[in-house]
Amino acid sequence: MRKSFKLDEIDCANCARKLEDAINGLEGVESASVNFMTQKLTLSAPDNIFDNVLDRVVKLTADLEPDCEILR
């Protein structure tokens, strides 16, 4: 499954790259792309575990970029 989410308050391109690299390192993530210009996260993960993966992505985002929120 592939879904896109709006990011609120991603501060810079470097922050977006750091977040993208960290998300791509999570187990279950097939691919992730964080675009600073459009303030968007595109996430791909298997259908049967997508919600679990998304929950871990949200937690990771809060840990790495406390001001950034993934809008569902």
Protein backbone atom coordinates (compact mmCIF):
# COMPACT_ATOMS: atom_id res chain seq x y z
CA MET A 1 0.00 0.00 0.00
CA ARG A 2 1.22 3.50 -0.80
CA LYS A 3 -0.19 6.62 0.85
CA SER A 4 0.79 10.27 1.08
CA PHE A 5 0.50 12.44 4.16
CA LYS A 6 0.84 16.17 4.74
CA LEU A 7 3.66 17.19 7.07
CA ASP A 8 3.16 20.14 9.36
CA GLU A 9 6.26 22.13 10.39
CA ILE A 10 9.13 20.32 8.66
CA ASP A 11 11.76 23.06 9.03
CA CYS A 12 14.40 22.48 6.37
CA ALA A 13 15.55 20.22 3.55
CA ASN A 14 18.24 18.72 5.79
CA CYS A 15 15.60 17.80 8.39
CA ALA A 16 13.48 16.22 5.66
CA ARG A 17 16.44 14.14 4.42
CA LYS A 18 17.31 13.01 7.95
CA LEU A 19 13.71 11.99 8.56
CA GLU A 20 13.47 10.18 5.21
CA ASP A 21 16.64 8.18 5.89
CA ALA A 22 15.41 7.19 9.36
CA ILE A 23 11.97 6.14 8.10
CA ASN A 24 13.50 4.06 5.31
CA GLY A 25 15.50 2.22 7.99
CA LEU A 26 12.37 1.03 9.82
CA GLU A 27 11.39 -2.61 9.46
CA GLY A 28 8.39 -3.04 7.17
CA VAL A 29 8.94 0.16 5.19
CA GLU A 30 9.20 -0.63 1.49
CA SER A 31 9.97 2.99 0.60
CA ALA A 32 9.53 6.45 2.03
CA SER A 33 10.00 9.87 0.53
CA VAL A 34 9.92 13.17 2.41
CA ASN A 35 9.59 16.25 0.22
CA PHE A 36 10.47 19.50 1.98
CA MET A 37 9.08 21.73 -0.79
CA THR A 38 5.63 20.12 -0.83
CA GLN A 39 5.69 19.23 2.90
CA LYS A 40 4.64 15.68 2.04
CA LEU A 41 5.54 12.15 3.17
CA THR A 42 4.90 9.28 0.78
CA LEU A 43 5.03 5.90 2.49
CA SER A 44 4.89 2.39 1.04
CA ALA A 45 4.49 -0.71 3.22
CA PRO A 46 2.72 -4.07 2.94
CA ASP A 47 -1.07 -3.78 3.24
CA ASN A 48 -1.33 -6.18 6.18
CA ILE A 49 1.06 -4.17 8.40
CA PHE A 50 0.63 -0.65 7.00
CA ASP A 51 -1.13 0.77 10.07
CA ASN A 52 1.52 -0.65 12.40
CA VAL A 53 4.31 0.76 10.24
CA LEU A 54 2.59 4.15 10.11
CA ASP A 55 2.30 4.21 13.91
CA ARG A 56 6.07 3.60 14.17
CA VAL A 57 6.74 6.31 11.56
CA VAL A 58 4.64 8.79 13.56
CA LYS A 59 6.57 7.94 16.76
CA LEU A 60 9.93 8.20 14.99
CA THR A 61 8.95 11.56 13.51
CA ALA A 62 7.98 12.88 16.95
CA ASP A 63 11.33 11.72 18.35
CA LEU A 64 13.51 13.15 15.55
CA GLU A 65 11.54 16.28 14.68
CA PRO A 66 9.35 17.22 17.67
CA ASP A 67 7.84 20.24 15.87
CA CYS A 68 6.82 18.16 12.84
CA GLU A 69 3.47 16.38 12.76
CA ILE A 70 2.13 13.86 10.23
CA LEU A 71 -1.43 14.85 9.43
CA ARG A 72 -3.57 11.77 8.83
